[in-house]
Structure formats: structure tokens, C-alpha cells
Amino acid sequence: QDAAIRAVAIVAGPEDANAIDGLASCLEGRYLQIRRNATTTLVSLALPGDEHAMAAVALRMEHSSDTVRQAAIEAITHLAGKVVAGTSVRGGDAEAIREAEVRLTHADENVRRCAVQALLLVAPHSRRDATRAAAKQVGHGDAGIRKTA
């Protein structure tokens, strides 16, 4: 897998959806170095605010493995931190918050906790939006979701 990741880094262009999907699936890899290399390559291919890349990575927050969920959080924070060229504007905060917010009501408590963790990592840069996303769930009918929020 590592050789394949290096090859993708060489031949894929920015916003290559197939490459991004393949790299996101590598976040489910068994070895830490594979997950890290996949994250680095994926982030290098994604443009700031790349909704497809963020969605592909965020889907892994729903994985049954805590290791995969943590890899997804790491990738999300790197994607969120991509700066729009010629500015100091972070391009992916809104997408990161949107993807985490969707998972705040997930049936699996581990997924909800993962979403909160992602919000906390993005919050220092987009505090108002991250806080608003979590606050929406405080009045939720499900006690587990309220507790997570």
C-alpha cells in the first residue's frame, strides 16, 4: 500500500476524486505509517475547502475501529487547516464543522464523541460555528446525544 500511495502522489492531480477516495480508504489501513502517508498525500491533493475530500475522510469517523476514527480526525484537521492561496484564510473549517455536525446525532456514541473531538480541534479557528453546531444538540430528544453535546 505504501508504494501505491507514493505513486498516487506522483500521478494524481489536484482534486482527483478517484485518488482521494482511494487515499481515504487507506485511513482504514492496518499500519500507522500507511495511514499517515495516506493523510499527507490526500491533503496535498485536496484544495482548500475540498468538499469531496472532507466527505471521504469524514465517512471514516463512522468506522467501527477507534484507530480509523482517530485517523479520520487527524486528516480532517489537516484538511480544515489548508489555507487559500495568497491569503491567511483557512479553507476547510466550514466543511469540517458540517461533517462533524452531521455525526453529532449518530446512533453510535463513539461516532458522536469523534465528532465532538473534530469540532474541538477546528473550534480554535472557527469557535462560533463549532459551538453553534454542538449547541443545536443540547435539546435533542435522545439523552445520549444531549450528553455528548
N, C-alpha and C. Protein backbone atom coordinates (compact mmCIF):
# COMPACT_ATOMS: atom_id res chain seq x y z
N GLN A 1 0.81 -1.20 0.00
CA GLN A 1 0.00 0.00 0.00
C GLN A 1 0.85 1.26 0.00
N ASP A 2 1.97 1.23 0.72
CA ASP A 2 2.79 2.42 0.81
C ASP A 2 3.32 2.82 -0.56
N ALA A 3 3.74 1.85 -1.37
CA ALA A 3 4.23 2.15 -2.71
C ALA A 3 3.11 2.73 -3.57
N ALA A 4 1.91 2.22 -3.40
CA ALA A 4 0.76 2.73 -4.15
C ALA A 4 0.46 4.17 -3.75
N ILE A 5 0.58 4.47 -2.48
CA ILE A 5 0.34 5.84 -2.01
C ILE A 5 1.37 6.79 -2.62
N ARG A 6 2.63 6.37 -2.64
CA ARG A 6 3.67 7.21 -3.25
C ARG A 6 3.39 7.43 -4.74
N ALA A 7 2.92 6.38 -5.41
CA ALA A 7 2.61 6.50 -6.84
C ALA A 7 1.46 7.47 -7.07
N VAL A 8 0.45 7.41 -6.23
CA VAL A 8 -0.69 8.34 -6.35
C VAL A 8 -0.20 9.77 -6.20
N ALA A 9 0.71 9.98 -5.26
CA ALA A 9 1.24 11.33 -5.04
C ALA A 9 1.91 11.88 -6.28
N ILE A 10 2.47 11.00 -7.09
CA ILE A 10 3.19 11.43 -8.29
C ILE A 10 2.25 11.66 -9.46
N VAL A 11 1.27 10.77 -9.67
CA VAL A 11 0.47 10.82 -10.88
C VAL A 11 -0.87 11.54 -10.75
N ALA A 12 -1.41 11.65 -9.55
CA ALA A 12 -2.73 12.27 -9.39
C ALA A 12 -2.62 13.79 -9.40
N GLY A 13 -3.65 14.41 -9.91
CA GLY A 13 -3.70 15.86 -9.91
C GLY A 13 -4.58 16.37 -8.79
N PRO A 14 -4.55 17.69 -8.59
CA PRO A 14 -5.40 18.28 -7.55
C PRO A 14 -6.87 17.90 -7.76
N GLU A 15 -7.53 17.64 -6.70
CA GLU A 15 -8.95 17.30 -6.69
C GLU A 15 -9.28 16.05 -7.50
N ASP A 16 -8.35 15.12 -7.64
CA ASP A 16 -8.60 13.86 -8.33
C ASP A 16 -9.48 13.00 -7.43
N ALA A 17 -10.78 12.92 -7.75
CA ALA A 17 -11.76 12.26 -6.88
C ALA A 17 -11.43 10.79 -6.65
N ASN A 18 -10.99 10.09 -7.69
CA ASN A 18 -10.65 8.67 -7.53
C ASN A 18 -9.46 8.49 -6.60
N ALA A 19 -8.46 9.34 -6.77
CA ALA A 19 -7.27 9.26 -5.91
C ALA A 19 -7.65 9.58 -4.47
N ILE A 20 -8.47 10.60 -4.28
CA ILE A 20 -8.89 10.98 -2.94
C ILE A 20 -9.68 9.87 -2.28
N ASP A 21 -10.59 9.24 -3.02
CA ASP A 21 -11.36 8.12 -2.46
C ASP A 21 -10.44 6.97 -2.06
N GLY A 22 -9.48 6.66 -2.93
CA GLY A 22 -8.55 5.57 -2.63
C GLY A 22 -7.69 5.88 -1.41
N LEU A 23 -7.23 7.11 -1.32
CA LEU A 23 -6.42 7.51 -0.17
C LEU A 23 -7.24 7.52 1.11
N ALA A 24 -8.47 7.97 1.03
CA ALA A 24 -9.34 7.95 2.22
C ALA A 24 -9.55 6.52 2.70
N SER A 25 -9.67 5.59 1.78
CA SER A 25 -9.84 4.18 2.19
C SER A 25 -8.58 3.66 2.88
N CYS A 26 -7.43 4.24 2.58
CA CYS A 26 -6.18 3.83 3.23
C CYS A 26 -6.15 4.24 4.70
N LEU A 27 -7.03 5.15 5.10
CA LEU A 27 -7.12 5.50 6.52
C LEU A 27 -7.59 4.30 7.34
N GLU A 28 -8.15 3.32 6.66
CA GLU A 28 -8.59 2.09 7.32
C GLU A 28 -7.46 1.07 7.37
N GLY A 29 -6.28 1.46 6.91
CA GLY A 29 -5.13 0.56 6.87
C GLY A 29 -4.69 0.10 8.25
N ARG A 30 -4.04 -1.00 8.26
CA ARG A 30 -3.60 -1.64 9.50
C ARG A 30 -2.42 -0.93 10.16
N TYR A 31 -1.58 -0.31 9.34
CA TYR A 31 -0.33 0.25 9.85
C TYR A 31 -0.38 1.78 9.93
N LEU A 32 0.15 2.30 11.02
CA LEU A 32 0.16 3.72 11.27
C LEU A 32 0.82 4.50 10.14
N GLN A 33 1.96 4.02 9.66
CA GLN A 33 2.68 4.73 8.61
C GLN A 33 1.87 4.82 7.33
N ILE A 34 1.12 3.78 7.02
CA ILE A 34 0.24 3.82 5.83
C ILE A 34 -0.81 4.90 6.01
N ARG A 35 -1.44 4.93 7.19
CA ARG A 35 -2.48 5.94 7.45
C ARG A 35 -1.89 7.35 7.38
N ARG A 36 -0.70 7.54 7.93
CA ARG A 36 -0.07 8.87 7.90
C ARG A 36 0.29 9.28 6.48
N ASN A 37 0.87 8.36 5.71
CA ASN A 37 1.23 8.67 4.33
C ASN A 37 -0.01 8.97 3.49
N ALA A 38 -1.08 8.22 3.74
CA ALA A 38 -2.33 8.47 3.02
C ALA A 38 -2.87 9.85 3.36
N THR A 39 -2.82 10.21 4.64
CA THR A 39 -3.30 11.53 5.06
C THR A 39 -2.48 12.63 4.40
N THR A 40 -1.17 12.52 4.45
CA THR A 40 -0.30 13.53 3.86
C THR A 40 -0.57 13.69 2.37
N THR A 41 -0.69 12.58 1.67
CA THR A 41 -0.91 12.63 0.22
C THR A 41 -2.30 13.19 -0.09
N LEU A 42 -3.30 12.74 0.65
CA LEU A 42 -4.65 13.22 0.43
C LEU A 42 -4.73 14.73 0.64
N VAL A 43 -4.14 15.20 1.71
CA VAL A 43 -4.15 16.63 2.00
C VAL A 43 -3.42 17.41 0.91
N SER A 44 -2.35 16.83 0.37
CA SER A 44 -1.61 17.52 -0.69
C SER A 44 -2.42 17.62 -1.98
N LEU A 45 -3.31 16.66 -2.22
CA LEU A 45 -4.13 16.68 -3.44
C LEU A 45 -5.37 17.56 -3.31
N ALA A 46 -5.88 17.67 -2.11
CA ALA A 46 -7.12 18.42 -1.90
C ALA A 46 -6.84 19.92 -1.92
N LEU A 47 -7.77 20.65 -2.48
CA LEU A 47 -7.69 22.10 -2.45
C LEU A 47 -8.37 22.60 -1.18
N PRO A 48 -8.06 23.81 -0.73
CA PRO A 48 -8.75 24.34 0.45
C PRO A 48 -10.26 24.32 0.24
N GLY A 49 -10.98 23.80 1.22
CA GLY A 49 -12.44 23.72 1.11
C GLY A 49 -12.95 22.59 0.24
N ASP A 50 -12.12 21.62 -0.06
CA ASP A 50 -12.49 20.49 -0.93
C ASP A 50 -13.55 19.63 -0.24
N GLU A 51 -14.81 19.81 -0.64
CA GLU A 51 -15.92 19.11 -0.02
C GLU A 51 -15.83 17.60 -0.22
N HIS A 52 -15.41 17.17 -1.40
CA HIS A 52 -15.31 15.73 -1.67
C HIS A 52 -14.28 15.09 -0.76
N ALA A 53 -13.12 15.70 -0.64
CA ALA A 53 -12.08 15.14 0.23
C ALA A 53 -12.54 15.09 1.68
N MET A 54 -13.16 16.16 2.13
CA MET A 54 -13.63 16.21 3.51
C MET A 54 -14.68 15.14 3.76
N ALA A 55 -15.61 14.96 2.84
CA ALA A 55 -16.66 13.95 2.99
C ALA A 55 -16.08 12.54 2.99
N ALA A 56 -15.11 12.29 2.11
CA ALA A 56 -14.49 10.96 2.03
C ALA A 56 -13.78 10.61 3.32
N VAL A 57 -13.10 11.58 3.89
CA VAL A 57 -12.38 11.36 5.15
C VAL A 57 -13.36 11.26 6.32
N ALA A 58 -14.34 12.16 6.34
CA ALA A 58 -15.30 12.21 7.46
C ALA A 58 -16.11 10.93 7.56
N LEU A 59 -16.34 10.27 6.46
CA LEU A 59 -17.05 8.99 6.48
C LEU A 59 -16.36 7.99 7.40
N ARG A 60 -15.03 8.10 7.52
CA ARG A 60 -14.27 7.18 8.37
C ARG A 60 -14.49 7.46 9.86
N MET A 61 -15.13 8.58 10.20
CA MET A 61 -15.48 8.81 11.61
C MET A 61 -16.54 7.81 12.07
N GLU A 62 -17.22 7.18 11.12
CA GLU A 62 -18.26 6.22 11.44
C GLU A 62 -17.74 4.78 11.49
N HIS A 63 -16.46 4.60 11.28
CA HIS A 63 -15.86 3.26 11.26
C HIS A 63 -15.93 2.63 12.65
N SER A 64 -15.99 1.31 12.71
CA SER A 64 -16.07 0.61 14.00
C SER A 64 -14.76 0.66 14.78
N SER A 65 -13.65 0.90 14.10
CA SER A 65 -12.34 0.93 14.75
C SER A 65 -12.00 2.33 15.25
N ASP A 66 -11.62 2.40 16.51
CA ASP A 66 -11.20 3.68 17.08
C ASP A 66 -9.97 4.21 16.35
N THR A 67 -9.08 3.34 15.94
CA THR A 67 -7.86 3.74 15.23
C THR A 67 -8.21 4.45 13.92
N VAL A 68 -9.18 3.92 13.21
CA VAL A 68 -9.61 4.53 11.95
C VAL A 68 -10.29 5.87 12.23
N ARG A 69 -11.13 5.91 13.25
CA ARG A 69 -11.80 7.18 13.59
C ARG A 69 -10.76 8.25 13.94
N GLN A 70 -9.73 7.88 14.68
CA GLN A 70 -8.68 8.85 15.04
C GLN A 70 -7.91 9.31 13.80
N ALA A 71 -7.67 8.40 12.87
CA ALA A 71 -7.00 8.77 11.61
C ALA A 71 -7.87 9.77 10.84
N ALA A 72 -9.18 9.56 10.87
CA ALA A 72 -10.10 10.48 10.19
C ALA A 72 -10.03 11.86 10.82
N ILE A 73 -10.02 11.91 12.15
CA ILE A 73 -9.93 13.21 12.84
C ILE A 73 -8.64 13.93 12.45
N GLU A 74 -7.54 13.20 12.43
CA GLU A 74 -6.27 13.81 12.05
C GLU A 74 -6.34 14.38 10.64
N ALA A 75 -6.89 13.60 9.71
CA ALA A 75 -6.99 14.06 8.33
C ALA A 75 -7.93 15.26 8.22
N ILE A 76 -9.03 15.23 8.96
CA ILE A 76 -9.98 16.35 8.93
C ILE A 76 -9.31 17.63 9.40
N THR A 77 -8.54 17.55 10.47
CA THR A 77 -7.91 18.77 10.98
C THR A 77 -6.87 19.31 9.98
N HIS A 78 -6.18 18.41 9.30
CA HIS A 78 -5.22 18.87 8.28
C HIS A 78 -5.95 19.48 7.08
N LEU A 79 -7.05 18.85 6.66
CA LEU A 79 -7.81 19.41 5.54
C LEU A 79 -8.41 20.76 5.91
N ALA A 80 -8.94 20.86 7.12
CA ALA A 80 -9.55 22.12 7.57
C ALA A 80 -8.51 23.24 7.60
N GLY A 81 -7.28 22.89 7.89
CA GLY A 81 -6.22 23.89 8.03
C GLY A 81 -5.59 24.36 6.73
N LYS A 82 -6.01 23.79 5.60
CA LYS A 82 -5.44 24.24 4.32
C LYS A 82 -5.81 25.70 4.08
N VAL A 83 -4.83 26.47 3.74
CA VAL A 83 -5.02 27.91 3.57
C VAL A 83 -5.24 28.24 2.09
N VAL A 84 -6.19 29.12 1.84
CA VAL A 84 -6.46 29.58 0.48
C VAL A 84 -5.25 30.36 -0.01
N ALA A 85 -4.77 30.02 -1.20
CA ALA A 85 -3.57 30.64 -1.76
C ALA A 85 -3.66 32.16 -1.75
N GLY A 86 -2.58 32.78 -1.31
CA GLY A 86 -2.48 34.23 -1.31
C GLY A 86 -3.20 34.89 -0.14
N THR A 87 -3.72 34.09 0.79
CA THR A 87 -4.43 34.64 1.94
C THR A 87 -3.96 33.91 3.20
N SER A 88 -4.56 34.27 4.32
CA SER A 88 -4.33 33.53 5.55
C SER A 88 -5.62 32.83 5.98
N VAL A 89 -6.57 32.71 5.04
CA VAL A 89 -7.88 32.14 5.32
C VAL A 89 -7.82 30.61 5.24
N ARG A 90 -8.27 29.98 6.32
CA ARG A 90 -8.37 28.52 6.33
C ARG A 90 -9.58 28.13 5.48
N GLY A 91 -9.37 27.27 4.51
CA GLY A 91 -10.43 26.96 3.56
C GLY A 91 -11.38 25.85 3.92
N GLY A 92 -11.05 25.03 4.91
CA GLY A 92 -11.87 23.86 5.16
C GLY A 92 -12.63 23.81 6.46
N ASP A 93 -12.58 24.88 7.24
CA ASP A 93 -13.26 24.86 8.53
C ASP A 93 -14.75 24.58 8.40
N ALA A 94 -15.42 25.27 7.48
CA ALA A 94 -16.87 25.11 7.33
C ALA A 94 -17.23 23.67 6.97
N GLU A 95 -16.46 23.06 6.08
CA GLU A 95 -16.74 21.67 5.70
C GLU A 95 -16.49 20.72 6.86
N ALA A 96 -15.42 20.96 7.61
CA ALA A 96 -15.10 20.11 8.77
C ALA A 96 -16.22 20.19 9.80
N ILE A 97 -16.69 21.39 10.06
CA ILE A 97 -17.76 21.58 11.03
C ILE A 97 -19.04 20.92 10.53
N ARG A 98 -19.35 21.08 9.27
CA ARG A 98 -20.56 20.48 8.69
C ARG A 98 -20.51 18.95 8.80
N GLU A 99 -19.37 18.36 8.47
CA GLU A 99 -19.25 16.90 8.53
C GLU A 99 -19.32 16.39 9.97
N ALA A 100 -18.72 17.12 10.90
CA ALA A 100 -18.78 16.71 12.30
C ALA A 100 -20.20 16.87 12.84
N GLU A 101 -20.85 17.96 12.47
CA GLU A 101 -22.21 18.23 12.95
C GLU A 101 -23.17 17.11 12.56
N VAL A 102 -23.05 16.62 11.35
CA VAL A 102 -23.91 15.52 10.88
C VAL A 102 -23.78 14.31 11.80
N ARG A 103 -22.59 14.11 12.32
CA ARG A 103 -22.32 12.91 13.13
C ARG A 103 -22.61 13.10 14.62
N LEU A 104 -22.99 14.30 15.02
CA LEU A 104 -23.33 14.54 16.42
C LEU A 104 -24.60 13.81 16.83
N THR A 105 -25.42 13.42 15.86
CA THR A 105 -26.66 12.69 16.16
C THR A 105 -26.58 11.22 15.76
N HIS A 106 -25.40 10.74 15.48
CA HIS A 106 -25.21 9.34 15.08
C HIS A 106 -25.64 8.41 16.21
N ALA A 107 -26.15 7.25 15.87
CA ALA A 107 -26.61 6.29 16.88
C ALA A 107 -25.46 5.77 17.75
N ASP A 108 -24.26 5.71 17.21
CA ASP A 108 -23.10 5.18 17.94
C ASP A 108 -22.45 6.30 18.75
N GLU A 109 -22.39 6.11 20.06
CA GLU A 109 -21.79 7.11 20.93
C GLU A 109 -20.34 7.39 20.57
N ASN A 110 -19.60 6.38 20.12
CA ASN A 110 -18.20 6.58 19.74
C ASN A 110 -18.07 7.52 18.55
N VAL A 111 -19.01 7.43 17.63
CA VAL A 111 -19.01 8.33 16.48
C VAL A 111 -19.32 9.75 16.94
N ARG A 112 -20.28 9.89 17.84
CA ARG A 112 -20.61 11.23 18.36
C ARG A 112 -19.41 11.84 19.08
N ARG A 113 -18.72 11.05 19.88
CA ARG A 113 -17.52 11.56 20.57
C ARG A 113 -16.45 11.98 19.58
N CYS A 114 -16.30 11.20 18.54
CA CYS A 114 -15.34 11.52 17.48
C CYS A 114 -15.71 12.87 16.83
N ALA A 115 -16.99 13.08 16.60
CA ALA A 115 -17.46 14.33 16.00
C ALA A 115 -17.15 15.51 16.93
N VAL A 116 -17.37 15.32 18.22
CA VAL A 116 -17.06 16.38 19.19
C VAL A 116 -15.57 16.67 19.18
N GLN A 117 -14.77 15.63 19.14
CA GLN A 117 -13.31 15.81 19.11
C GLN A 117 -12.90 16.60 17.88
N ALA A 118 -13.48 16.28 16.73
CA ALA A 118 -13.17 17.02 15.50
C ALA A 118 -13.58 18.48 15.65
N LEU A 119 -14.75 18.73 16.24
CA LEU A 119 -15.19 20.12 16.45
C LEU A 119 -14.22 20.87 17.35
N LEU A 120 -13.77 20.20 18.41
CA LEU A 120 -12.84 20.85 19.34
C LEU A 120 -11.52 21.21 18.67
N LEU A 121 -11.07 20.40 17.75
CA LEU A 121 -9.81 20.67 17.07
C LEU A 121 -9.94 21.79 16.04
N VAL A 122 -11.12 21.94 15.47
CA VAL A 122 -11.35 23.00 14.50
C VAL A 122 -11.80 24.28 15.20
N ALA A 123 -12.42 24.14 16.38
CA ALA A 123 -13.02 25.28 17.10
C ALA A 123 -12.09 26.46 17.35
N PRO A 124 -10.82 26.25 17.68
CA PRO A 124 -9.98 27.43 17.93
C PRO A 124 -9.91 28.38 16.73
N HIS A 125 -10.21 27.87 15.56
CA HIS A 125 -10.14 28.69 14.35
C HIS A 125 -11.52 29.15 13.89
N SER A 126 -12.56 28.43 14.30
CA SER A 126 -13.93 28.76 13.92
C SER A 126 -14.85 28.53 15.12
N ARG A 127 -14.50 29.15 16.22
CA ARG A 127 -15.16 28.89 17.50
C ARG A 127 -16.68 29.07 17.43
N ARG A 128 -17.14 30.16 16.86
CA ARG A 128 -18.58 30.42 16.85
C ARG A 128 -19.34 29.32 16.11
N ASP A 129 -18.87 28.92 14.94
CA ASP A 129 -19.56 27.91 14.15
C ASP A 129 -19.51 26.54 14.82
N ALA A 130 -18.38 26.19 15.41
CA ALA A 130 -18.26 24.89 16.09
C ALA A 130 -19.15 24.84 17.31
N THR A 131 -19.20 25.92 18.07
CA THR A 131 -20.05 25.98 19.27
C THR A 131 -21.52 25.90 18.87
N ARG A 132 -21.90 26.59 17.83
CA ARG A 132 -23.29 26.56 17.35
C ARG A 132 -23.68 25.15 16.94
N ALA A 133 -22.78 24.42 16.27
CA ALA A 133 -23.08 23.05 15.84
C ALA A 133 -23.35 22.14 17.03
N ALA A 134 -22.53 22.24 18.06
CA ALA A 134 -22.73 21.40 19.25
C ALA A 134 -23.96 21.84 20.03
N ALA A 135 -24.18 23.14 20.15
CA ALA A 135 -25.30 23.66 20.95
C ALA A 135 -26.65 23.22 20.39
N LYS A 136 -26.75 23.01 19.09
CA LYS A 136 -28.01 22.57 18.48
C LYS A 136 -28.49 21.25 19.08
N GLN A 137 -27.56 20.44 19.56
CA GLN A 137 -27.92 19.11 20.04
C GLN A 137 -28.26 19.07 21.53
N VAL A 138 -28.05 20.16 22.25
CA VAL A 138 -28.29 20.18 23.69
C VAL A 138 -29.75 19.87 24.02
N GLY A 139 -30.67 20.26 23.18
CA GLY A 139 -32.09 19.98 23.42
C GLY A 139 -32.61 18.76 22.69
N HIS A 140 -31.73 17.94 22.15
CA HIS A 140 -32.14 16.76 21.38
C HIS A 140 -32.94 15.80 22.26
N GLY A 141 -33.87 15.08 21.66
CA GLY A 141 -34.72 14.13 22.38
C GLY A 141 -33.99 12.91 22.92
N ASP A 142 -32.86 12.58 22.34
CA ASP A 142 -32.08 11.42 22.78
C ASP A 142 -31.10 11.85 23.85
N ALA A 143 -31.19 11.22 25.03
CA ALA A 143 -30.33 11.59 26.17
C ALA A 143 -28.85 11.39 25.85
N GLY A 144 -28.51 10.36 25.10
CA GLY A 144 -27.12 10.11 24.73
C GLY A 144 -26.55 11.22 23.86
N ILE A 145 -27.37 11.71 22.95
CA ILE A 145 -26.93 12.81 22.07
C ILE A 145 -26.77 14.09 22.87
N ARG A 146 -27.73 14.36 23.79
CA ARG A 146 -27.60 15.55 24.66
C ARG A 146 -26.33 15.47 25.49
N LYS A 147 -26.05 14.31 26.03
CA LYS A 147 -24.86 14.13 26.87
C LYS A 147 -23.58 14.38 26.08
N THR A 148 -23.53 13.88 24.87
CA THR A 148 -22.35 14.07 24.03
C THR A 148 -22.14 15.55 23.73
N ALA A 149 -23.25 16.25 23.42
CA ALA A 149 -23.16 17.68 23.09
C ALA A 149 -22.76 18.47 24.31
